[in-house]
Amino acid sequence: MKMNRKDRERLLVLKREQRIRDSRDSLWEFCQTISPEFYQEHRWHLKLLSDTLQRLYEGALVNEEGKVYTKLMMNMPPRHGKSRTLINFCKWVLGRKKRNRIITCSYNDDAATDFSRYTRDGIMEGKTYPHEIVYEDIFPESKIKKGNASYHQWALEGEFFNYKGAGIGGSITGKGCNISIVDDPVKDAETALNDRALDKIWTWYSGTFLSRKEEGAIEIVNMTRWAKKDICGRILSGPEGDEWYLLKLEAKNEDGKMLCPDLLSEKSYESLRINMVPEIFRANYHQEPIDQKGKLYKYFQTYTELPENYERIICYVDTADEGNDYLCAIVGVEYEGEIYVIDVLYTKEGMEVTESQTAEFLVRNKVNYCKIESNNGGRGFARNVERILWNDYRTRSIDVQWFHQSKNKKARIIANSSFVMKHIYFPEDWKYRWSKYYEAMNSYQKEGRNRNDDGSDATTGLGEMVNEGFELRIGRV
């Protein structure tokens, strides 16, 4: 039946009211209402992002064991709506609850100001046409407080403080938040390749920014995965890495499908791939750290239980050659040509300390055979370890051998890398047990100069003891 004009108007009013109610309840509906031209139904990644943010806010983002996530990490290609959706998220939660307090940080004050201004201006947006639905229609109680609406910090009516934006290194003292957001803390590849700059960002984030987080606050980090030492890399390799929900989307998946062809077509993607520096392209569009491509070890095997009836316990020691080097001693259980690492000593202490440490390390792990490189003082080190084993522990049951390593170190490491990956097993929690060693193994580069190679050198040596055979010196006192 054909409706008359009054019925049509009534239906439009009802649909409008339903749209407003849906926008209050759903971040995705809110985004579609505020920016329908961008948040289109076929852009599934934007709905996934919106739904994930809402579940985080409502305490409905859980892992397989039912544990609630309060921390979200977002890694997505540029210009795919991640920052825009975060801004809408800020507007939406301030409409849901006026007492929410948000602190955001970006790589500098200008970027932080943009984020803050877009959030504030979105709340203040007026109508162009009477039928439009703007923020005030959806959340009429949330209005910007007059006289308290600067770009960097502002509040809603009836509140003392709701939002503050700061650049990395900026001051955020005196304010606390229940929602903390890091948005693009690394400006570009030049910053990502600067260890000092990355250390500065991490120090400010972990020392200053996180200190403003209130108990029970939710945390969001949104950034391109630039380097293994960026904020995401340090978090994921640290003891709290498992507490973060990771939302990682690549511009083009393994099946060759584009994430969103109308935001980045395959033709444009290929043009970028051809013209951009490969490492920067992979970081931006596939979330691969620029210092990841040349990584020697692509994976490591892990174990939960040691094999029974193992053959022997062996140890390889690479002594520190220079002041910046590490002494690295690795103990492993040998079983049918495989090695199960049970302990690691990785330290920069001087030989006057590490000689005793190594002796105690060997006794504690019930080592049968130990091989020590005799280069650059290693022979004297080995003899002193033997002496301490007898004087302090009254044992000669540990067979300690020293030898001169004449082979090229890097060539050895690369040549044995396949054996290390396939036949050496580490405990599942090894990144927490021996974090410095874990970082050294995971950052060793196939090409170029490595800051430290002691971990890879000693691990290679442990593999060589099994792979090339180990000659026991019979009857040596």
Protein backbone atom coordinates (compact mmCIF):
# COMPACT_ATOMS: atom_id res chain seq x y z
CA MET A 1 0.00 0.00 0.00
CA LYS A 2 1.28 3.40 -0.94
CA MET A 3 2.09 5.60 2.05
CA ASN A 4 1.00 9.19 2.25
CA ARG A 5 3.39 12.01 3.01
CA LYS A 6 2.68 12.06 6.74
CA ASP A 7 3.33 8.35 7.05
CA ARG A 8 6.57 8.67 5.13
CA GLU A 9 7.71 11.50 7.37
CA ARG A 10 6.80 9.48 10.47
CA LEU A 11 8.76 6.50 9.12
CA LEU A 12 11.78 8.69 8.45
CA VAL A 13 11.61 10.05 12.00
CA LEU A 14 11.45 6.53 13.41
CA LYS A 15 14.39 5.42 11.29
CA ARG A 16 16.37 8.47 12.40
CA GLU A 17 15.66 7.76 16.04
CA GLN A 18 16.65 4.12 15.60
CA ARG A 19 19.86 5.22 13.91
CA ILE A 20 20.68 7.48 16.84
CA ARG A 21 20.01 4.69 19.37
CA ASP A 22 22.14 2.24 17.38
CA SER A 23 24.97 4.80 17.22
CA ARG A 24 24.95 5.10 21.00
CA ASP A 25 25.18 1.33 21.44
CA SER A 26 27.61 0.46 18.64
CA LEU A 27 30.90 2.11 17.67
CA TRP A 28 30.54 0.75 14.14
CA GLU A 29 27.08 2.28 13.78
CA PHE A 30 28.42 5.53 15.23
CA CYS A 31 31.23 5.61 12.65
CA GLN A 32 28.80 4.89 9.83
CA THR A 33 26.45 7.63 11.01
CA ILE A 34 29.17 10.27 11.44
CA SER A 35 31.15 9.38 8.29
CA PRO A 36 28.97 7.20 6.00
CA GLU A 37 31.13 7.90 2.95
CA PHE A 38 34.16 6.29 4.61
CA TYR A 39 32.67 3.56 6.81
CA GLN A 40 31.06 1.52 4.08
CA GLU A 41 29.78 -2.01 4.68
CA HIS A 42 32.26 -3.71 2.34
CA ARG A 43 35.22 -2.29 4.29
CA TRP A 44 35.22 -5.23 6.63
CA HIS A 45 38.53 -4.31 8.25
CA LEU A 46 36.99 -1.09 9.61
CA LYS A 47 34.13 -3.04 11.15
CA LEU A 48 36.62 -5.49 12.65
CA LEU A 49 38.62 -2.60 14.08
CA SER A 50 35.50 -0.87 15.45
CA ASP A 51 34.15 -4.06 16.99
CA THR A 52 37.53 -4.87 18.57
CA LEU A 53 37.77 -1.40 20.13
CA GLN A 54 34.23 -1.66 21.50
CA ARG A 55 34.86 -5.09 22.98
CA LEU A 56 38.04 -3.75 24.59
CA TYR A 57 36.14 -0.85 26.14
CA GLU A 58 33.26 -3.03 27.35
CA GLY A 59 35.53 -5.75 28.79
CA ALA A 60 34.35 -8.32 26.25
CA LEU A 61 37.70 -8.89 24.50
CA VAL A 62 38.85 -12.24 25.91
CA ASN A 63 41.37 -14.97 25.12
CA GLU A 64 40.71 -18.69 24.79
CA GLU A 65 40.91 -19.15 28.57
CA GLY A 66 38.36 -16.40 29.14
CA LYS A 67 40.87 -13.82 30.42
CA VAL A 68 39.83 -10.26 29.64
CA TYR A 69 42.24 -8.17 27.59
CA THR A 70 42.73 -4.55 28.69
CA LYS A 71 45.54 -3.90 26.19
CA LEU A 72 45.21 -3.67 22.41
CA MET A 73 47.96 -3.42 19.80
CA MET A 74 46.98 -2.27 16.27
CA ASN A 75 49.34 -2.75 13.30
CA MET A 76 47.78 -1.81 9.95
CA PRO A 77 48.86 -0.19 6.65
CA PRO A 78 48.79 3.62 6.35
CA ARG A 79 45.64 5.39 5.14
CA HIS A 80 43.37 2.49 6.03
CA GLY A 81 41.44 4.33 8.73
CA LYS A 82 43.13 3.22 11.94
CA SER A 83 43.78 6.71 13.39
CA ARG A 84 40.45 7.98 12.10
CA THR A 85 38.66 5.13 13.86
CA LEU A 86 40.60 5.80 17.06
CA ILE A 87 39.45 9.42 16.97
CA ASN A 88 35.86 8.26 16.55
CA PHE A 89 36.42 5.82 19.42
CA CYS A 90 37.47 8.72 21.66
CA LYS A 91 34.36 10.70 20.73
CA TRP A 92 32.13 7.67 21.25
CA VAL A 93 33.45 6.73 24.72
CA LEU A 94 33.14 10.35 25.88
CA GLY A 95 29.51 10.21 24.81
CA ARG A 96 28.98 6.88 26.56
CA LYS A 97 30.50 8.16 29.79
CA LYS A 98 31.40 11.78 30.45
CA ARG A 99 33.83 10.85 33.23
CA ASN A 100 36.17 9.00 30.85
CA ARG A 101 39.66 10.53 30.84
CA ILE A 102 41.86 10.04 27.78
CA ILE A 103 45.56 10.75 27.26
CA THR A 104 47.06 10.27 23.81
CA CYS A 105 50.61 10.62 22.55
CA SER A 106 52.11 10.82 19.07
CA TYR A 107 55.60 11.29 17.68
CA ASN A 108 55.51 15.07 18.13
CA ASP A 109 53.27 17.89 19.38
CA ASP A 110 51.85 18.66 15.91
CA ALA A 111 50.62 15.10 15.42
CA ALA A 112 49.21 15.05 18.96
CA THR A 113 47.47 18.37 18.34
CA ASP A 114 45.82 17.04 15.17
CA PHE A 115 44.47 14.00 17.02
CA SER A 116 43.16 16.18 19.84
CA ARG A 117 41.64 18.80 17.54
CA TYR A 118 39.82 16.26 15.36
CA THR A 119 38.33 14.64 18.46
CA ARG A 120 37.27 17.96 19.97
CA ASP A 121 35.93 19.42 16.72
CA GLY A 122 33.96 16.23 16.05
CA ILE A 123 32.13 16.70 19.34
CA MET A 124 31.46 20.37 18.50
CA GLU A 125 30.38 19.72 14.88
CA GLY A 126 27.26 21.56 13.78
CA LYS A 127 24.67 20.74 11.14
CA THR A 128 24.86 21.70 7.51
CA TYR A 129 21.38 20.34 6.76
CA PRO A 130 18.47 19.89 9.22
CA HIS A 131 18.09 16.16 8.54
CA GLU A 132 21.77 15.40 9.32
CA ILE A 133 22.70 13.43 12.40
CA VAL A 134 25.65 14.97 14.22
CA TYR A 135 27.38 14.15 17.50
CA GLU A 136 25.06 16.36 19.57
CA ASP A 137 22.05 14.38 18.34
CA ILE A 138 23.60 11.10 19.48
CA PHE A 139 25.13 12.30 22.75
CA PRO A 140 23.36 15.53 23.73
CA GLU A 141 24.84 15.53 27.25
CA SER A 142 28.46 15.60 26.11
CA LYS A 143 29.41 19.16 25.21
CA ILE A 144 32.80 20.85 25.20
CA LYS A 145 33.26 23.03 28.25
CA LYS A 146 33.55 26.71 27.35
CA GLY A 147 36.89 28.23 28.28
CA ASN A 148 38.46 24.78 28.51
CA ALA A 149 38.85 23.74 24.89
CA SER A 150 42.49 24.20 23.89
CA TYR A 151 43.94 21.95 21.23
CA HIS A 152 46.08 20.00 23.68
CA GLN A 153 43.76 19.69 26.65
CA TRP A 154 40.05 20.12 27.16
CA ALA A 155 37.05 18.99 29.18
CA LEU A 156 33.34 18.37 28.79
CA GLU A 157 30.73 20.41 30.62
CA GLY A 158 30.57 19.39 34.27
CA GLU A 159 34.02 17.78 34.19
CA PHE A 160 37.44 19.04 35.23
CA PHE A 161 39.44 17.09 32.64
CA ASN A 162 38.63 14.67 29.80
CA TYR A 163 41.36 14.78 27.17
CA LYS A 164 45.06 15.58 26.84
CA GLY A 165 47.33 15.06 23.84
CA ALA A 166 51.13 15.20 23.98
CA GLY A 167 54.09 14.56 21.75
CA ILE A 168 56.75 12.02 22.74
CA GLY A 169 58.87 13.68 25.41
CA GLY A 170 56.17 16.21 26.32
CA SER A 171 54.84 16.93 29.77
CA ILE A 172 51.71 15.12 30.98
CA THR A 173 52.19 15.53 34.71
CA GLY A 174 49.21 16.24 36.91
CA LYS A 175 46.71 14.24 34.86
CA GLY A 176 45.57 10.65 35.06
CA CYS A 177 43.60 8.57 32.56
CA ASN A 178 41.51 5.44 32.30
CA ILE A 179 42.12 5.25 28.54
CA SER A 180 45.68 5.64 27.20
CA ILE A 181 46.38 5.75 23.47
CA VAL A 182 49.71 5.73 21.65
CA ASP A 183 49.26 6.74 18.01
CA ASP A 184 52.24 6.57 15.62
CA PRO A 185 55.10 7.15 18.11
CA VAL A 186 57.80 6.55 15.44
CA LYS A 187 57.79 9.23 12.78
CA ASP A 188 59.69 7.52 9.97
CA ALA A 189 62.36 5.02 8.93
CA GLU A 190 65.17 7.38 9.93
CA THR A 191 63.90 7.32 13.52
CA ALA A 192 63.37 3.56 13.37
CA LEU A 193 67.01 3.01 12.42
CA ASN A 194 68.27 5.16 15.30
CA ASP A 195 68.71 3.05 18.44
CA ARG A 196 69.15 6.14 20.58
CA ALA A 197 65.87 7.62 19.31
CA LEU A 198 64.05 4.33 19.94
CA ASP A 199 65.52 4.14 23.45
CA LYS A 200 64.32 7.70 24.12
CA ILE A 201 60.80 6.87 22.94
CA TRP A 202 60.68 3.74 25.10
CA THR A 203 62.03 5.55 28.16
CA TRP A 204 59.36 8.27 27.89
CA TYR A 205 56.59 5.77 27.18
CA SER A 206 57.48 3.31 29.96
CA GLY A 207 58.54 5.92 32.51
CA THR A 208 56.36 8.99 31.93
CA PHE A 209 53.36 8.02 29.83
CA LEU A 210 52.43 4.81 31.64
CA SER A 211 52.74 6.54 35.02
CA ARG A 212 49.55 8.49 34.21
CA LYS A 213 47.54 5.29 33.74
CA GLU A 214 44.98 4.67 36.48
CA GLU A 215 44.24 1.23 37.94
CA GLY A 216 42.16 -0.82 35.52
CA ALA A 217 42.80 1.53 32.58
CA ILE A 218 42.74 0.24 29.03
CA GLU A 219 45.78 0.70 26.81
CA ILE A 220 45.93 1.04 23.04
CA VAL A 221 49.06 1.18 20.88
CA ASN A 222 48.51 2.00 17.21
CA MET A 223 51.57 2.09 15.00
CA THR A 224 53.48 0.80 12.00
CA ARG A 225 55.86 -2.00 13.02
CA TRP A 226 59.07 -0.19 12.24
CA ALA A 227 61.74 -1.98 14.25
CA LYS A 228 62.28 -4.76 16.78
CA LYS A 229 63.04 -2.10 19.40
CA ASP A 230 59.95 0.03 18.78
CA ILE A 231 57.26 0.08 21.47
CA CYS A 232 55.40 -2.93 20.03
CA GLY A 233 58.58 -4.96 19.64
CA ARG A 234 59.71 -4.34 23.21
CA ILE A 235 56.28 -5.10 24.62
CA LEU A 236 55.85 -8.35 22.67
CA SER A 237 59.30 -9.63 23.63
CA GLY A 238 58.82 -8.68 27.28
CA PRO A 239 57.12 -10.44 30.20
CA GLU A 240 53.76 -8.76 29.50
CA GLY A 241 53.62 -9.59 25.80
CA ASP A 242 50.90 -12.22 26.27
CA GLU A 243 48.65 -9.66 27.96
CA TRP A 244 48.17 -7.75 24.71
CA TYR A 245 45.58 -8.47 22.03
CA LEU A 246 47.28 -8.05 18.65
CA LEU A 247 45.27 -6.87 15.65
CA LYS A 248 47.63 -7.11 12.69
CA LEU A 249 46.45 -6.59 9.11
CA GLU A 250 48.60 -6.54 5.96
CA ALA A 251 47.83 -4.58 2.81
CA LYS A 252 47.93 -7.80 0.78
CA ASN A 253 47.53 -11.25 2.27
CA GLU A 254 49.26 -14.52 1.36
CA ASP A 255 46.43 -15.39 -1.06
CA GLY A 256 47.05 -12.21 -3.03
CA LYS A 257 43.90 -10.42 -1.84
CA MET A 258 44.06 -6.72 -1.07
CA LEU A 259 42.88 -5.62 2.37
CA CYS A 260 40.70 -2.87 0.89
CA PRO A 261 41.07 -2.35 -2.89
CA ASP A 262 39.29 1.01 -2.95
CA LEU A 263 41.67 2.41 -0.32
CA LEU A 264 44.75 0.76 -1.86
CA SER A 265 44.38 -0.97 -5.22
CA GLU A 266 46.68 -3.75 -6.35
CA LYS A 267 48.04 -1.44 -9.04
CA SER A 268 48.95 1.22 -6.49
CA TYR A 269 50.35 -1.45 -4.18
CA GLU A 270 52.67 -2.75 -6.93
CA SER A 271 53.76 0.78 -7.79
CA LEU A 272 54.68 1.39 -4.15
CA ARG A 273 56.49 -1.94 -3.99
CA ILE A 274 58.59 -1.08 -7.05
CA ASN A 275 59.42 2.50 -6.08
CA MET A 276 59.84 2.36 -2.30
CA VAL A 277 62.87 1.11 -0.41
CA PRO A 278 61.98 -2.59 0.12
CA GLU A 279 62.47 -2.54 3.90
CA ILE A 280 60.32 0.57 4.31
CA PHE A 281 57.64 -0.88 2.03
CA ARG A 282 57.47 -4.14 4.03
CA ALA A 283 57.27 -2.21 7.29
CA ASN A 284 54.44 0.02 6.10
CA TYR A 285 52.33 -2.49 4.22
CA HIS A 286 53.18 -5.83 5.83
CA GLN A 287 54.17 -4.81 9.38
CA GLU A 288 57.62 -6.35 9.10
CA PRO A 289 60.29 -4.44 11.06
CA ILE A 290 62.93 -2.93 8.82
CA ASP A 291 65.61 -4.78 10.80
CA GLN A 292 63.76 -8.08 10.40
CA LYS A 293 64.39 -8.96 6.76
CA GLY A 294 68.07 -9.80 7.24
CA LYS A 295 67.40 -11.83 10.37
CA LEU A 296 69.44 -15.06 10.28
CA TYR A 297 67.24 -17.27 12.43
CA LYS A 298 63.73 -17.41 11.01
CA TYR A 299 62.35 -19.55 13.83
CA PHE A 300 63.34 -21.46 16.96
CA GLN A 301 62.11 -24.81 18.24
CA THR A 302 60.70 -25.00 21.79
CA TYR A 303 59.89 -27.77 24.25
CA THR A 304 57.73 -28.28 27.33
CA GLU A 305 59.32 -31.46 28.71
CA LEU A 306 62.85 -32.83 28.57
CA PRO A 307 63.35 -36.26 26.97
CA GLU A 308 63.95 -39.18 29.28
CA ASN A 309 67.15 -41.25 29.18
CA TYR A 310 69.16 -38.46 27.55
CA GLU A 311 72.76 -39.21 26.64
CA ARG A 312 74.71 -36.44 28.33
CA ILE A 313 74.67 -32.82 29.46
CA ILE A 314 77.05 -30.60 27.50
CA CYS A 315 78.12 -26.96 27.73
CA TYR A 316 79.81 -24.55 25.36
CA VAL A 317 81.45 -21.36 26.64
CA ASP A 318 82.36 -18.31 24.56
CA THR A 319 84.41 -16.02 26.80
CA ALA A 320 84.22 -12.23 26.50
CA ASP A 321 86.97 -10.98 24.18
CA GLU A 322 86.51 -7.24 24.79
CA GLY A 323 84.81 -4.92 27.26
CA ASN A 324 81.55 -4.75 25.32
CA ASP A 325 81.36 -8.49 24.70
CA TYR A 326 79.28 -10.97 26.65
CA LEU A 327 80.42 -14.21 28.14
CA CYS A 328 77.90 -16.76 26.91
CA ALA A 329 77.71 -20.26 28.35
CA ILE A 330 74.94 -22.61 27.19
CA VAL A 331 74.04 -25.94 28.74
CA GLY A 332 72.01 -28.49 26.80
CA VAL A 333 70.76 -32.02 27.18
CA GLU A 334 71.81 -34.18 24.21
CA TYR A 335 69.33 -36.78 22.97
CA GLU A 336 69.46 -38.61 19.62
CA GLY A 337 71.30 -35.78 17.87
CA GLU A 338 69.00 -33.08 19.29
CA ILE A 339 69.88 -30.50 21.96
CA TYR A 340 67.46 -29.27 24.63
CA VAL A 341 68.80 -26.07 26.21
CA ILE A 342 68.31 -26.03 30.00
CA ASP A 343 70.33 -22.99 31.12
CA VAL A 344 72.16 -19.93 29.78
CA LEU A 345 74.75 -17.67 31.40
CA TYR A 346 74.92 -14.39 29.47
CA THR A 347 76.82 -11.58 31.19
CA LYS A 348 79.22 -8.66 30.71
CA GLU A 349 80.93 -9.18 34.06
CA GLY A 350 84.72 -9.41 34.04
CA MET A 351 86.65 -12.69 34.16
CA GLU A 352 87.38 -12.25 37.86
CA VAL A 353 83.62 -12.69 38.38
CA THR A 354 82.66 -15.02 35.53
CA GLU A 355 85.24 -17.68 36.34
CA SER A 356 83.43 -18.45 39.61
CA GLN A 357 80.02 -17.96 37.98
CA THR A 358 80.87 -20.45 35.24
CA ALA A 359 82.15 -23.06 37.71
CA GLU A 360 78.96 -22.78 39.78
CA PHE A 361 76.92 -22.83 36.56
CA LEU A 362 78.53 -26.14 35.49
CA VAL A 363 78.05 -27.78 38.87
CA ARG A 364 74.46 -26.61 39.28
CA ASN A 365 73.48 -28.00 35.87
CA LYS A 366 75.35 -31.32 36.41
CA VAL A 367 77.36 -30.86 33.20
CA ASN A 368 79.33 -33.85 31.92
CA TYR A 369 81.40 -32.14 29.22
CA CYS A 370 82.31 -28.50 28.70
CA LYS A 371 84.12 -26.89 25.77
CA ILE A 372 85.66 -23.43 26.18
CA GLU A 373 87.12 -21.29 23.40
CA SER A 374 90.74 -20.50 24.31
CA ASN A 375 91.04 -17.40 22.08
CA ASN A 376 92.01 -14.13 23.81
CA GLY A 377 92.54 -15.44 27.31
CA GLY A 378 90.10 -18.32 27.12
CA ARG A 379 92.79 -20.89 27.97
CA GLY A 380 93.62 -19.18 31.27
CA PHE A 381 89.90 -18.81 31.93
CA ALA A 382 89.35 -22.55 31.40
CA ARG A 383 92.22 -23.49 33.70
CA ASN A 384 90.89 -21.20 36.42
CA VAL A 385 87.42 -22.73 36.07
CA GLU A 386 88.96 -26.19 36.52
CA ARG A 387 90.85 -24.97 39.58
CA ILE A 388 87.68 -23.52 41.15
CA LEU A 389 85.78 -26.72 40.42
CA TRP A 390 88.34 -28.67 42.48
CA ASN A 391 89.04 -26.12 45.24
CA ASP A 392 85.45 -25.03 45.85
CA TYR A 393 83.42 -28.05 44.76
CA ARG A 394 85.92 -30.93 45.05
CA THR A 395 84.96 -32.34 41.67
CA ARG A 396 86.80 -33.51 38.60
CA SER A 397 83.74 -35.21 37.16
CA ILE A 398 83.19 -32.33 34.72
CA ASP A 399 85.44 -32.74 31.70
CA VAL A 400 86.54 -29.21 30.72
CA GLN A 401 88.29 -28.81 27.38
CA TRP A 402 89.70 -25.66 25.85
CA PHE A 403 90.59 -25.15 22.21
CA HIS A 404 91.59 -22.45 19.76
CA GLN A 405 88.77 -21.47 17.37
CA SER A 406 90.47 -20.88 14.02
CA LYS A 407 87.35 -20.78 11.84
CA ASN A 408 85.72 -17.52 10.76
CA LYS A 409 83.06 -16.71 13.34
CA LYS A 410 80.38 -15.34 11.03
CA ALA A 411 80.88 -18.12 8.48
CA ARG A 412 80.45 -20.70 11.25
CA ILE A 413 77.30 -19.04 12.54
CA ILE A 414 75.69 -18.84 9.11
CA ALA A 415 76.75 -22.35 8.07
CA ASN A 416 75.27 -23.87 11.24
CA SER A 417 72.12 -21.73 11.37
CA SER A 418 69.95 -24.46 9.83
CA PHE A 419 71.10 -26.95 12.49
CA VAL A 420 70.39 -24.41 15.24
CA MET A 421 66.85 -23.82 13.97
CA LYS A 422 66.02 -27.49 13.38
CA HIS A 423 67.83 -29.34 16.14
CA ILE A 424 68.24 -27.02 19.15
CA TYR A 425 65.19 -26.66 21.38
CA PHE A 426 64.54 -23.92 23.93
CA PRO A 427 62.10 -23.81 26.87
CA GLU A 428 58.79 -22.19 25.92
CA ASP A 429 59.46 -19.28 28.28
CA TRP A 430 63.07 -18.70 27.25
CA LYS A 431 62.44 -15.09 26.26
CA TYR A 432 61.63 -14.37 29.92
CA ARG A 433 64.31 -16.58 31.49
CA TRP A 434 67.19 -15.17 29.45
CA SER A 435 65.86 -11.97 27.92
CA LYS A 436 69.23 -10.51 26.82
CA TYR A 437 70.27 -13.78 25.21
CA TYR A 438 66.83 -14.14 23.59
CA GLU A 439 67.11 -10.63 22.13
CA ALA A 440 70.61 -11.33 20.79
CA MET A 441 69.50 -14.52 19.06
CA ASN A 442 66.40 -12.92 17.56
CA SER A 443 68.21 -9.84 16.28
CA TYR A 444 71.28 -11.45 14.69
CA GLN A 445 71.57 -10.25 11.10
CA LYS A 446 72.81 -12.37 8.22
CA GLU A 447 74.42 -9.38 6.54
CA GLY A 448 76.09 -6.30 7.95
CA ARG A 449 77.63 -5.72 11.33
CA ASN A 450 76.01 -7.10 14.46
CA ARG A 451 76.34 -5.30 17.76
CA ASN A 452 76.77 -8.61 19.62
CA ASP A 453 77.42 -12.07 18.20
CA ASP A 454 78.33 -13.88 21.43
CA GLY A 455 74.95 -15.59 21.81
CA SER A 456 74.94 -16.90 18.24
CA ASP A 457 78.61 -17.92 18.52
CA ALA A 458 78.07 -19.99 21.66
CA THR A 459 74.85 -21.53 20.35
CA THR A 460 76.65 -22.49 17.15
CA GLY A 461 79.43 -24.05 19.23
CA LEU A 462 76.91 -26.11 21.19
CA GLY A 463 75.49 -27.37 17.91
CA GLU A 464 78.96 -28.19 16.61
CA MET A 465 79.63 -30.36 19.67
CA VAL A 466 76.82 -32.65 18.54
CA ASN A 467 76.87 -32.10 14.79
CA GLU A 468 80.61 -32.60 14.33
CA GLY A 469 81.21 -35.00 17.24
CA PHE A 470 82.87 -34.48 20.60
CA GLU A 471 86.13 -36.25 21.43
CA LEU A 472 86.40 -37.10 25.11
CA ARG A 473 89.91 -36.95 26.49
CA ILE A 474 90.21 -40.20 28.38
CA GLY A 475 92.21 -40.26 31.61
CA ARG A 476 93.03 -36.52 31.75
CA VAL A 477 93.50 -35.25 35.29
